[in-house]
Every structure is written in C-alpha cells, then in structure tokens.
Amino acid sequence: MKQLKEEALEIIANRLKMLSEPMRLKILHTLQDGEKSVHELVELTGAGQANISKHLSLLAYHNIVGRKRKGLNVYYFITDQSIFKICDLVCKNMEMNMKRYSEVFG
C-alpha cells in the first residue's frame, strides 16, 4: 500500500467500519437487487424500523447508499458498487481459509 496521509487513513478506516456491522451488511445485501423503502427493508431483514433507519443514515452519510423520495416513502439504493468487490474478496478469502482449516483440523 502506498504511503497515505493520516486523513486518508481515517477515511478508509471509517469506510471499512461501515462494513463491519452485520445489520449493515444485511441491509446492503438486501439492496443489492434494487432500491427498497424503509418499510420493505424492515420486512426483509426482520429488524425494527428505528434500527434500520439508524443504519441507513450512517450508510448515507458515508455515501454508500443514496435516497430518494417517492410520494410519502423514501427509497434507498446503493451508490457505491465497489463495496461488493470488497465483500466478495473477503468472502473468497474466508472460503479458502475454511477449506484449509477443515483439512488441517478435519
């Protein structure tokens, strides 16, 4: 990794923190196939409305999701598709490690 300024490291760390919470990952996974309202996200994730709204606010603040109003509803959508590249990389690495550990520990 090239030399980064402290501010850049802070921004990167905050970005990764957004992906370190299971409910946020669940929300992002749910949004992967298209925009959803808060009500739909509540139904699909099984989480409470306040919890979903809190996580969506954080994701929107970090420009990972966007929102648009349609009538009385607000719909959320993913604005940064690169998060799925990060998640895929981590998942593939985890799969390789699990295979290796299962071979060693049987």
PDB file of N, CA and C in Angstrom:
ATOM      1  N   MET A   1       0.859  -1.176   0.000  1.00  0.00           N
ATOM      2  CA  MET A   1       0.000   0.000   0.000  1.00  0.00           C
ATOM      3  C   MET A   1       0.896   1.226   0.000  1.00  0.00           C
ATOM      4  N   LYS A   2       0.560   2.195  -0.820  1.00  0.00           N
ATOM      5  CA  LYS A   2       1.374   3.401  -0.879  1.00  0.00           C
ATOM      6  C   LYS A   2       1.195   4.227   0.398  1.00  0.00           C
ATOM      7  N   GLN A   3       2.126   5.130   0.619  1.00  0.00           N
ATOM      8  CA  GLN A   3       2.094   5.985   1.802  1.00  0.00           C
ATOM      9  C   GLN A   3       0.867   6.896   1.741  1.00  0.00           C
ATOM     10  N   LEU A   4       0.060   6.879   2.799  1.00  0.00           N
ATOM     11  CA  LEU A   4      -1.158   7.679   2.844  1.00  0.00           C
ATOM     12  C   LEU A   4      -1.084   8.678   3.990  1.00  0.00           C
ATOM     13  N   LYS A   5      -1.721   9.797   3.792  1.00  0.00           N
ATOM     14  CA  LYS A   5      -1.816  10.791   4.859  1.00  0.00           C
ATOM     15  C   LYS A   5      -2.739  10.271   5.954  1.00  0.00           C
ATOM     16  N   GLU A   6      -2.574  10.814   7.146  1.00  0.00           N
ATOM     17  CA  GLU A   6      -3.401  10.413   8.286  1.00  0.00           C
ATOM     18  C   GLU A   6      -4.893  10.582   7.984  1.00  0.00           C
ATOM     19  N   GLU A   7      -5.245  11.681   7.319  1.00  0.00           N
ATOM     20  CA  GLU A   7      -6.661  11.934   6.993  1.00  0.00           C
ATOM     21  C   GLU A   7      -7.217  10.856   6.073  1.00  0.00           C
ATOM     22  N   ALA A   8      -6.406  10.422   5.114  1.00  0.00           N
ATOM     23  CA  ALA A   8      -6.839   9.380   4.186  1.00  0.00           C
ATOM     24  C   ALA A   8      -7.031   8.063   4.926  1.00  0.00           C
ATOM     25  N   LEU A   9      -6.115   7.758   5.842  1.00  0.00           N
ATOM     26  CA  LEU A   9      -6.245   6.537   6.630  1.00  0.00           C
ATOM     27  C   LEU A   9      -7.505   6.552   7.483  1.00  0.00           C
ATOM     28  N   GLU A  10      -7.829   7.705   8.018  1.00  0.00           N
ATOM     29  CA  GLU A  10      -9.047   7.850   8.822  1.00  0.00           C
ATOM     30  C   GLU A  10     -10.291   7.611   7.971  1.00  0.00           C
ATOM     31  N   ILE A  11     -10.309   8.156   6.775  1.00  0.00           N
ATOM     32  CA  ILE A  11     -11.442   7.979   5.859  1.00  0.00           C
ATOM     33  C   ILE A  11     -11.593   6.507   5.485  1.00  0.00           C
ATOM     34  N   ILE A  12     -10.478   5.848   5.182  1.00  0.00           N
ATOM     35  CA  ILE A  12     -10.513   4.435   4.819  1.00  0.00           C
ATOM     36  C   ILE A  12     -11.017   3.589   5.993  1.00  0.00           C
ATOM     37  N   ALA A  13     -10.509   3.876   7.186  1.00  0.00           N
ATOM     38  CA  ALA A  13     -10.939   3.130   8.376  1.00  0.00           C
ATOM     39  C   ALA A  13     -12.434   3.299   8.613  1.00  0.00           C
ATOM     40  N   ASN A  14     -12.941   4.512   8.449  1.00  0.00           N
ATOM     41  CA  ASN A  14     -14.377   4.753   8.629  1.00  0.00           C
ATOM     42  C   ASN A  14     -15.206   4.014   7.587  1.00  0.00           C
ATOM     43  N   ARG A  15     -14.696   3.951   6.376  1.00  0.00           N
ATOM     44  CA  ARG A  15     -15.391   3.234   5.307  1.00  0.00           C
ATOM     45  C   ARG A  15     -15.500   1.741   5.649  1.00  0.00           C
ATOM     46  N   LEU A  16     -14.381   1.192   6.104  1.00  0.00           N
ATOM     47  CA  LEU A  16     -14.386  -0.222   6.472  1.00  0.00           C
ATOM     48  C   LEU A  16     -15.261  -0.491   7.692  1.00  0.00           C
ATOM     49  N   LYS A  17     -15.345   0.460   8.599  1.00  0.00           N
ATOM     50  CA  LYS A  17     -16.229   0.317   9.767  1.00  0.00           C
ATOM     51  C   LYS A  17     -17.680   0.162   9.326  1.00  0.00           C
ATOM     52  N   MET A  18     -18.045   0.827   8.240  1.00  0.00           N
ATOM     53  CA  MET A  18     -19.416   0.723   7.748  1.00  0.00           C
ATOM     54  C   MET A  18     -19.745  -0.707   7.334  1.00  0.00           C
ATOM     55  N   LEU A  19     -18.734  -1.456   6.942  1.00  0.00           N
ATOM     56  CA  LEU A  19     -18.949  -2.840   6.508  1.00  0.00           C
ATOM     57  C   LEU A  19     -18.698  -3.844   7.627  1.00  0.00           C
ATOM     58  N   SER A  20     -18.430  -3.354   8.829  1.00  0.00           N
ATOM     59  CA  SER A  20     -18.089  -4.261   9.931  1.00  0.00           C
ATOM     60  C   SER A  20     -19.277  -4.591  10.826  1.00  0.00           C
ATOM     61  N   GLU A  21     -20.455  -4.122  10.463  1.00  0.00           N
ATOM     62  CA  GLU A  21     -21.649  -4.344  11.287  1.00  0.00           C
ATOM     63  C   GLU A  21     -22.584  -5.294  10.543  1.00  0.00           C
ATOM     64  N   PRO A  22     -22.944  -6.425  11.142  1.00  0.00           N
ATOM     65  CA  PRO A  22     -23.779  -7.408  10.436  1.00  0.00           C
ATOM     66  C   PRO A  22     -25.094  -6.861   9.887  1.00  0.00           C
ATOM     67  N   MET A  23     -25.777  -6.000  10.623  1.00  0.00           N
ATOM     68  CA  MET A  23     -27.054  -5.478  10.110  1.00  0.00           C
ATOM     69  C   MET A  23     -26.834  -4.594   8.886  1.00  0.00           C
ATOM     70  N   ARG A  24     -25.763  -3.829   8.875  1.00  0.00           N
ATOM     71  CA  ARG A  24     -25.492  -3.008   7.686  1.00  0.00           C
ATOM     72  C   ARG A  24     -25.200  -3.894   6.485  1.00  0.00           C
ATOM     73  N   LEU A  25     -24.470  -4.986   6.699  1.00  0.00           N
ATOM     74  CA  LEU A  25     -24.221  -5.925   5.608  1.00  0.00           C
ATOM     75  C   LEU A  25     -25.522  -6.558   5.121  1.00  0.00           C
ATOM     76  N   LYS A  26     -26.401  -6.864   6.048  1.00  0.00           N
ATOM     77  CA  LYS A  26     -27.701  -7.445   5.688  1.00  0.00           C
ATOM     78  C   LYS A  26     -28.516  -6.440   4.859  1.00  0.00           C
ATOM     79  N   ILE A  27     -28.502  -5.182   5.263  1.00  0.00           N
ATOM     80  CA  ILE A  27     -29.211  -4.134   4.514  1.00  0.00           C
ATOM     81  C   ILE A  27     -28.624  -4.002   3.117  1.00  0.00           C
ATOM     82  N   LEU A  28     -27.304  -3.955   3.020  1.00  0.00           N
ATOM     83  CA  LEU A  28     -26.655  -3.821   1.710  1.00  0.00           C
ATOM     84  C   LEU A  28     -26.953  -5.021   0.829  1.00  0.00           C
ATOM     85  N   HIS A  29     -26.928  -6.199   1.409  1.00  0.00           N
ATOM     86  CA  HIS A  29     -27.247  -7.400   0.647  1.00  0.00           C
ATOM     87  C   HIS A  29     -28.686  -7.331   0.115  1.00  0.00           C
ATOM     88  N   THR A  30     -29.591  -6.828   0.936  1.00  0.00           N
ATOM     89  CA  THR A  30     -30.996  -6.697   0.548  1.00  0.00           C
ATOM     90  C   THR A  30     -31.157  -5.656  -0.561  1.00  0.00           C
ATOM     91  N   LEU A  31     -30.354  -4.604  -0.521  1.00  0.00           N
ATOM     92  CA  LEU A  31     -30.433  -3.551  -1.537  1.00  0.00           C
ATOM     93  C   LEU A  31     -29.713  -3.924  -2.832  1.00  0.00           C
ATOM     94  N   GLN A  32     -28.969  -5.006  -2.810  1.00  0.00           N
ATOM     95  CA  GLN A  32     -28.169  -5.383  -3.968  1.00  0.00           C
ATOM     96  C   GLN A  32     -29.019  -5.595  -5.221  1.00  0.00           C
ATOM     97  N   ASP A  33     -30.258  -6.040  -5.052  1.00  0.00           N
ATOM     98  CA  ASP A  33     -31.101  -6.287  -6.231  1.00  0.00           C
ATOM     99  C   ASP A  33     -32.053  -5.136  -6.542  1.00  0.00           C
ATOM    100  N   GLY A  34     -31.820  -3.968  -5.943  1.00  0.00           N
ATOM    101  CA  GLY A  34     -32.619  -2.794  -6.294  1.00  0.00           C
ATOM    102  C   GLY A  34     -33.060  -1.995  -5.082  1.00  0.00           C
ATOM    103  N   GLU A  35     -33.565  -0.812  -5.358  1.00  0.00           N
ATOM    104  CA  GLU A  35     -33.972   0.102  -4.286  1.00  0.00           C
ATOM    105  C   GLU A  35     -35.135  -0.449  -3.477  1.00  0.00           C
ATOM    106  N   LYS A  36     -35.152  -0.056  -2.211  1.00  0.00           N
ATOM    107  CA  LYS A  36     -36.200  -0.506  -1.299  1.00  0.00           C
ATOM    108  C   LYS A  36     -36.576   0.637  -0.366  1.00  0.00           C
ATOM    109  N   SER A  37     -37.813   0.622   0.095  1.00  0.00           N
ATOM    110  CA  SER A  37     -38.253   1.574   1.109  1.00  0.00           C
ATOM    111  C   SER A  37     -37.825   1.065   2.481  1.00  0.00           C
ATOM    112  N   VAL A  38     -37.876   1.925   3.470  1.00  0.00           N
ATOM    113  CA  VAL A  38     -37.559   1.519   4.838  1.00  0.00           C
ATOM    114  C   VAL A  38     -38.506   0.394   5.259  1.00  0.00           C
ATOM    115  N   HIS A  39     -39.781   0.535   4.925  1.00  0.00           N
ATOM    116  CA  HIS A  39     -40.773  -0.490   5.273  1.00  0.00           C
ATOM    117  C   HIS A  39     -40.385  -1.844   4.676  1.00  0.00           C
ATOM    118  N   GLU A  40     -39.978  -1.858   3.411  1.00  0.00           N
ATOM    119  CA  GLU A  40     -39.564  -3.110   2.770  1.00  0.00           C
ATOM    120  C   GLU A  40     -38.323  -3.690   3.452  1.00  0.00           C
ATOM    121  N   LEU A  41     -37.375  -2.823   3.802  1.00  0.00           N
ATOM    122  CA  LEU A  41     -36.161  -3.285   4.471  1.00  0.00           C
ATOM    123  C   LEU A  41     -36.472  -3.882   5.842  1.00  0.00           C
ATOM    124  N   VAL A  42     -37.425  -3.281   6.543  1.00  0.00           N
ATOM    125  CA  VAL A  42     -37.847  -3.824   7.837  1.00  0.00           C
ATOM    126  C   VAL A  42     -38.401  -5.228   7.641  1.00  0.00           C
ATOM    127  N   GLU A  43     -39.271  -5.391   6.671  1.00  0.00           N
ATOM    128  CA  GLU A  43     -39.879  -6.707   6.409  1.00  0.00           C
ATOM    129  C   GLU A  43     -38.843  -7.742   5.983  1.00  0.00           C
ATOM    130  N   LEU A  44     -37.932  -7.347   5.101  1.00  0.00           N
ATOM    131  CA  LEU A  44     -36.971  -8.296   4.544  1.00  0.00           C
ATOM    132  C   LEU A  44     -35.848  -8.672   5.507  1.00  0.00           C
ATOM    133  N   THR A  45     -35.510  -7.768   6.416  1.00  0.00           N
ATOM    134  CA  THR A  45     -34.410  -8.048   7.348  1.00  0.00           C
ATOM    135  C   THR A  45     -34.892  -8.555   8.694  1.00  0.00           C
ATOM    136  N   GLY A  46     -36.145  -8.261   9.036  1.00  0.00           N
ATOM    137  CA  GLY A  46     -36.659  -8.639  10.342  1.00  0.00           C
ATOM    138  C   GLY A  46     -36.231  -7.710  11.459  1.00  0.00           C
ATOM    139  N   ALA A  47     -35.583  -6.612  11.118  1.00  0.00           N
ATOM    140  CA  ALA A  47     -35.131  -5.638  12.120  1.00  0.00           C
ATOM    141  C   ALA A  47     -36.209  -4.582  12.346  1.00  0.00           C
ATOM    142  N   GLY A  48     -36.064  -3.835  13.409  1.00  0.00           N
ATOM    143  CA  GLY A  48     -37.005  -2.766  13.706  1.00  0.00           C
ATOM    144  C   GLY A  48     -36.758  -1.537  12.847  1.00  0.00           C
ATOM    145  N   GLN A  49     -37.793  -0.732  12.693  1.00  0.00           N
ATOM    146  CA  GLN A  49     -37.709   0.466  11.849  1.00  0.00           C
ATOM    147  C   GLN A  49     -36.644   1.435  12.353  1.00  0.00           C
ATOM    148  N   ALA A  50     -36.558   1.641  13.655  1.00  0.00           N
ATOM    149  CA  ALA A  50     -35.566   2.573  14.207  1.00  0.00           C
ATOM    150  C   ALA A  50     -34.146   2.071  13.931  1.00  0.00           C
ATOM    151  N   ASN A  51     -33.938   0.777  14.065  1.00  0.00           N
ATOM    152  CA  ASN A  51     -32.627   0.183  13.816  1.00  0.00           C
ATOM    153  C   ASN A  51     -32.233   0.335  12.344  1.00  0.00           C
ATOM    154  N   ILE A  52     -33.150   0.024  11.449  1.00  0.00           N
ATOM    155  CA  ILE A  52     -32.897   0.156  10.011  1.00  0.00           C
ATOM    156  C   ILE A  52     -32.586   1.613   9.668  1.00  0.00           C
ATOM    157  N   SER A  53     -33.389   2.531  10.180  1.00  0.00           N
ATOM    158  CA  SER A  53     -33.192   3.956   9.891  1.00  0.00           C
ATOM    159  C   SER A  53     -31.834   4.447  10.373  1.00  0.00           C
ATOM    160  N   LYS A  54     -31.423   3.990  11.559  1.00  0.00           N
ATOM    161  CA  LYS A  54     -30.117   4.379  12.101  1.00  0.00           C
ATOM    162  C   LYS A  54     -28.993   3.934  11.163  1.00  0.00           C
ATOM    163  N   HIS A  55     -29.049   2.692  10.728  1.00  0.00           N
ATOM    164  CA  HIS A  55     -28.001   2.165   9.847  1.00  0.00           C
ATOM    165  C   HIS A  55     -28.035   2.836   8.473  1.00  0.00           C
ATOM    166  N   LEU A  56     -29.224   3.079   7.954  1.00  0.00           N
ATOM    167  CA  LEU A  56     -29.326   3.754   6.658  1.00  0.00           C
ATOM    168  C   LEU A  56     -28.754   5.167   6.720  1.00  0.00           C
ATOM    169  N   SER A  57     -28.971   5.849   7.822  1.00  0.00           N
ATOM    170  CA  SER A  57     -28.415   7.197   7.987  1.00  0.00           C
ATOM    171  C   SER A  57     -26.894   7.163   7.939  1.00  0.00           C
ATOM    172  N   LEU A  58     -26.303   6.201   8.621  1.00  0.00           N
ATOM    173  CA  LEU A  58     -24.843   6.072   8.603  1.00  0.00           C
ATOM    174  C   LEU A  58     -24.333   5.729   7.208  1.00  0.00           C
ATOM    175  N   LEU A  59     -24.995   4.789   6.546  1.00  0.00           N
ATOM    176  CA  LEU A  59     -24.582   4.400   5.200  1.00  0.00           C
ATOM    177  C   LEU A  59     -24.734   5.564   4.218  1.00  0.00           C
ATOM    178  N   ALA A  60     -25.770   6.356   4.381  1.00  0.00           N
ATOM    179  CA  ALA A  60     -25.970   7.520   3.513  1.00  0.00           C
ATOM    180  C   ALA A  60     -24.917   8.587   3.795  1.00  0.00           C
ATOM    181  N   TYR A  61     -24.606   8.801   5.059  1.00  0.00           N
ATOM    182  CA  TYR A  61     -23.584   9.791   5.438  1.00  0.00           C
ATOM    183  C   TYR A  61     -22.237   9.453   4.807  1.00  0.00           C
ATOM    184  N   HIS A  62     -21.938   8.164   4.704  1.00  0.00           N
ATOM    185  CA  HIS A  62     -20.669   7.716   4.126  1.00  0.00           C
ATOM    186  C   HIS A  62     -20.779   7.451   2.620  1.00  0.00           C
ATOM    187  N   ASN A  63     -21.861   7.896   2.016  1.00  0.00           N
ATOM    188  CA  ASN A  63     -22.072   7.811   0.565  1.00  0.00           C
ATOM    189  C   ASN A  63     -22.031   6.385   0.022  1.00  0.00           C
ATOM    190  N   ILE A  64     -22.508   5.456   0.821  1.00  0.00           N
ATOM    191  CA  ILE A  64     -22.613   4.074   0.355  1.00  0.00           C
ATOM    192  C   ILE A  64     -24.001   3.812  -0.200  1.00  0.00           C
ATOM    193  N   VAL A  65     -24.994   4.456   0.386  1.00  0.00           N
ATOM    194  CA  VAL A  65     -26.356   4.398  -0.156  1.00  0.00           C
ATOM    195  C   VAL A  65     -26.850   5.817  -0.411  1.00  0.00           C
ATOM    196  N   GLY A  66     -27.796   5.903  -1.322  1.00  0.00           N
ATOM    197  CA  GLY A  66     -28.480   7.164  -1.591  1.00  0.00           C
ATOM    198  C   GLY A  66     -29.946   6.992  -1.278  1.00  0.00           C
ATOM    199  N   ARG A  67     -30.669   8.091  -1.285  1.00  0.00           N
ATOM    200  CA  ARG A  67     -32.106   8.019  -1.007  1.00  0.00           C
ATOM    201  C   ARG A  67     -32.849   8.976  -1.919  1.00  0.00           C
ATOM    202  N   LYS A  68     -34.074   8.579  -2.218  1.00  0.00           N
ATOM    203  CA  LYS A  68     -34.937   9.461  -2.995  1.00  0.00           C
ATOM    204  C   LYS A  68     -36.358   9.295  -2.499  1.00  0.00           C
ATOM    205  N   ARG A  69     -37.070  10.376  -2.526  1.00  0.00           N
ATOM    206  CA  ARG A  69     -38.448  10.384  -2.046  1.00  0.00           C
ATOM    207  C   ARG A  69     -39.382  10.131  -3.219  1.00  0.00           C
ATOM    208  N   LYS A  70     -40.337   9.240  -2.987  1.00  0.00           N
ATOM    209  CA  LYS A  70     -41.416   8.981  -3.946  1.00  0.00           C
ATOM    210  C   LYS A  70     -42.705   9.065  -3.160  1.00  0.00           C
ATOM    211  N   GLY A  71     -43.404  10.169  -3.306  1.00  0.00           N
ATOM    212  CA  GLY A  71     -44.623  10.373  -2.527  1.00  0.00           C
ATOM    213  C   GLY A  71     -44.294  10.473  -1.055  1.00  0.00           C
ATOM    214  N   LEU A  72     -44.904   9.628  -0.246  1.00  0.00           N
ATOM    215  CA  LEU A  72     -44.666   9.644   1.195  1.00  0.00           C
ATOM    216  C   LEU A  72     -43.497   8.745   1.607  1.00  0.00           C
ATOM    217  N   ASN A  73     -43.001   7.936   0.691  1.00  0.00           N
ATOM    218  CA  ASN A  73     -41.948   6.979   1.019  1.00  0.00           C
ATOM    219  C   ASN A  73     -40.576   7.461   0.587  1.00  0.00           C
ATOM    220  N   VAL A  74     -39.570   7.027   1.319  1.00  0.00           N
ATOM    221  CA  VAL A  74     -38.176   7.259   0.954  1.00  0.00           C
ATOM    222  C   VAL A  74     -37.589   5.909   0.559  1.00  0.00           C
ATOM    223  N   TYR A  75     -36.960   5.886  -0.600  1.00  0.00           N
ATOM    224  CA  TYR A  75     -36.359   4.660  -1.115  1.00  0.00           C
ATOM    225  C   TYR A  75     -34.841   4.787  -1.068  1.00  0.00           C
ATOM    226  N   TYR A  76     -34.203   3.703  -0.666  1.00  0.00           N
ATOM    227  CA  TYR A  76     -32.750   3.666  -0.560  1.00  0.00           C
ATOM    228  C   TYR A  76     -32.182   2.764  -1.641  1.00  0.00           C
ATOM    229  N   PHE A  77     -31.007   3.122  -2.111  1.00  0.00           N
ATOM    230  CA  PHE A  77     -30.328   2.370  -3.164  1.00  0.00           C
ATOM    231  C   PHE A  77     -28.823   2.484  -2.949  1.00  0.00           C
ATOM    232  N   ILE A  78     -28.092   1.549  -3.481  1.00  0.00           N
ATOM    233  CA  ILE A  78     -26.638   1.536  -3.337  1.00  0.00           C
ATOM    234  C   ILE A  78     -26.024   2.508  -4.335  1.00  0.00           C
ATOM    235  N   THR A  79     -25.144   3.362  -3.834  1.00  0.00           N
ATOM    236  CA  THR A  79     -24.471   4.326  -4.702  1.00  0.00           C
ATOM    237  C   THR A  79     -23.029   3.932  -4.984  1.00  0.00           C
ATOM    238  N   ASP A  80     -22.480   3.045  -4.178  1.00  0.00           N
ATOM    239  CA  ASP A  80     -21.083   2.640  -4.325  1.00  0.00           C
ATOM    240  C   ASP A  80     -21.010   1.129  -4.516  1.00  0.00           C
ATOM    241  N   GLN A  81     -20.979   0.713  -5.758  1.00  0.00           N
ATOM    242  CA  GLN A  81     -20.948  -0.723  -6.071  1.00  0.00           C
ATOM    243  C   GLN A  81     -19.636  -1.388  -5.651  1.00  0.00           C
ATOM    244  N   SER A  82     -18.608  -0.587  -5.389  1.00  0.00           N
ATOM    245  CA  SER A  82     -17.315  -1.169  -5.017  1.00  0.00           C
ATOM    246  C   SER A  82     -17.382  -1.927  -3.693  1.00  0.00           C
ATOM    247  N   ILE A  83     -18.388  -1.649  -2.880  1.00  0.00           N
ATOM    248  CA  ILE A  83     -18.490  -2.376  -1.609  1.00  0.00           C
ATOM    249  C   ILE A  83     -18.677  -3.868  -1.846  1.00  0.00           C
ATOM    250  N   PHE A  84     -19.301  -4.239  -2.962  1.00  0.00           N
ATOM    251  CA  PHE A  84     -19.499  -5.652  -3.248  1.00  0.00           C
ATOM    252  C   PHE A  84     -18.194  -6.318  -3.668  1.00  0.00           C
ATOM    253  N   LYS A  85     -17.303  -5.570  -4.278  1.00  0.00           N
ATOM    254  CA  LYS A  85     -15.979  -6.113  -4.598  1.00  0.00           C
ATOM    255  C   LYS A  85     -15.229  -6.424  -3.306  1.00  0.00           C
ATOM    256  N   ILE A  86     -15.330  -5.519  -2.346  1.00  0.00           N
ATOM    257  CA  ILE A  86     -14.681  -5.722  -1.055  1.00  0.00           C
ATOM    258  C   ILE A  86     -15.269  -6.956  -0.374  1.00  0.00           C
ATOM    259  N   CYS A  87     -16.594  -7.039  -0.336  1.00  0.00           N
ATOM    260  CA  CYS A  87     -17.262  -8.175   0.314  1.00  0.00           C
ATOM    261  C   CYS A  87     -16.927  -9.489  -0.382  1.00  0.00           C
ATOM    262  N   ASP A  88     -16.901  -9.485  -1.712  1.00  0.00           N
ATOM    263  CA  ASP A  88     -16.556 -10.703  -2.456  1.00  0.00           C
ATOM    264  C   ASP A  88     -15.132 -11.148  -2.143  1.00  0.00           C
ATOM    265  N   LEU A  89     -14.219 -10.203  -2.068  1.00  0.00           N
ATOM    266  CA  LEU A  89     -12.830 -10.519  -1.761  1.00  0.00           C
ATOM    267  C   LEU A  89     -12.720 -11.158  -0.383  1.00  0.00           C
ATOM    268  N   VAL A  90     -13.392 -10.582   0.592  1.00  0.00           N
ATOM    269  CA  VAL A  90     -13.359 -11.114   1.957  1.00  0.00           C
ATOM    270  C   VAL A  90     -13.999 -12.506   1.989  1.00  0.00           C
ATOM    271  N   CYS A  91     -15.136 -12.663   1.328  1.00  0.00           N
ATOM    272  CA  CYS A  91     -15.829 -13.961   1.322  1.00  0.00           C
ATOM    273  C   CYS A  91     -14.977 -15.051   0.669  1.00  0.00           C
ATOM    274  N   LYS A  92     -14.343 -14.732  -0.447  1.00  0.00           N
ATOM    275  CA  LYS A  92     -13.492 -15.720  -1.118  1.00  0.00           C
ATOM    276  C   LYS A  92     -12.323 -16.110  -0.227  1.00  0.00           C
ATOM    277  N   ASN A  93     -11.744 -15.138   0.449  1.00  0.00           N
ATOM    278  CA  ASN A  93     -10.645 -15.411   1.358  1.00  0.00           C
ATOM    279  C   ASN A  93     -11.101 -16.300   2.507  1.00  0.00           C
ATOM    280  N   MET A  94     -12.288 -16.017   3.041  1.00  0.00           N
ATOM    281  CA  MET A  94     -12.835 -16.820   4.136  1.00  0.00           C
ATOM    282  C   MET A  94     -13.078 -18.257   3.678  1.00  0.00           C
ATOM    283  N   GLU A  95     -13.584 -18.434   2.463  1.00  0.00           N
ATOM    284  CA  GLU A  95     -13.817 -19.778   1.929  1.00  0.00           C
ATOM    285  C   GLU A  95     -12.514 -20.559   1.827  1.00  0.00           C
ATOM    286  N   MET A  96     -11.462 -19.898   1.328  1.00  0.00           N
ATOM    287  CA  MET A  96     -10.165 -20.561   1.206  1.00  0.00           C
ATOM    288  C   MET A  96      -9.631 -20.941   2.591  1.00  0.00           C
ATOM    289  N   ASN A  97      -9.757 -20.031   3.547  1.00  0.00           N
ATOM    290  CA  ASN A  97      -9.278 -20.316   4.902  1.00  0.00           C
ATOM    291  C   ASN A  97     -10.069 -21.454   5.540  1.00  0.00           C
ATOM    292  N   MET A  98     -11.376 -21.475   5.328  1.00  0.00           N
ATOM    293  CA  MET A  98     -12.204 -22.533   5.914  1.00  0.00           C
ATOM    294  C   MET A  98     -11.818 -23.893   5.340  1.00  0.00           C
ATOM    295  N   LYS A  99     -11.556 -23.945   4.040  1.00  0.00           N
ATOM    296  CA  LYS A  99     -11.137 -25.204   3.419  1.00  0.00           C
ATOM    297  C   LYS A  99      -9.806 -25.653   4.013  1.00  0.00           C
ATOM    298  N   ARG A 100      -8.890 -24.720   4.151  1.00  0.00           N
ATOM    299  CA  ARG A 100      -7.573 -25.048   4.687  1.00  0.00           C
ATOM    300  C   ARG A 100      -7.683 -25.529   6.133  1.00  0.00           C
ATOM    301  N   TYR A 101      -8.491 -24.830   6.957  1.00  0.00           N
ATOM    302  CA  TYR A 101      -8.645 -25.229   8.348  1.00  0.00           C
ATOM    303  C   TYR A 101      -9.354 -26.578   8.468  1.00  0.00           C
ATOM    304  N   SER A 102     -10.312 -26.847   7.600  1.00  0.00           N
ATOM    305  CA  SER A 102     -11.021 -28.121   7.684  1.00  0.00           C
ATOM    306  C   SER A 102     -10.090 -29.280   7.292  1.00  0.00           C
ATOM    307  N   GLU A 103      -9.145 -29.016   6.386  1.00  0.00           N
ATOM    308  CA  GLU A 103      -8.181 -30.043   6.023  1.00  0.00           C
ATOM    309  C   GLU A 103      -7.233 -30.332   7.183  1.00  0.00           C
ATOM    310  N   VAL A 104      -6.843 -29.290   7.894  1.00  0.00           N
ATOM    311  CA  VAL A 104      -5.893 -29.443   8.990  1.00  0.00           C
ATOM    312  C   VAL A 104      -6.557 -30.023  10.221  1.00  0.00           C
ATOM    313  N   PHE A 105      -7.761 -29.521  10.556  1.00  0.00           N
ATOM    314  CA  PHE A 105      -8.428 -29.931  11.784  1.00  0.00           C
ATOM    315  C   PHE A 105      -9.469 -31.026  11.564  1.00  0.00           C
ATOM    316  N   GLY A 106      -9.729 -31.340  10.287  1.00  0.00           N
ATOM    317  CA  GLY A 106     -10.622 -32.427   9.916  1.00  0.00           C
ATOM    318  C   GLY A 106     -11.937 -32.354  10.519  1.00  0.00           C
TER     319      GLY A 106
END
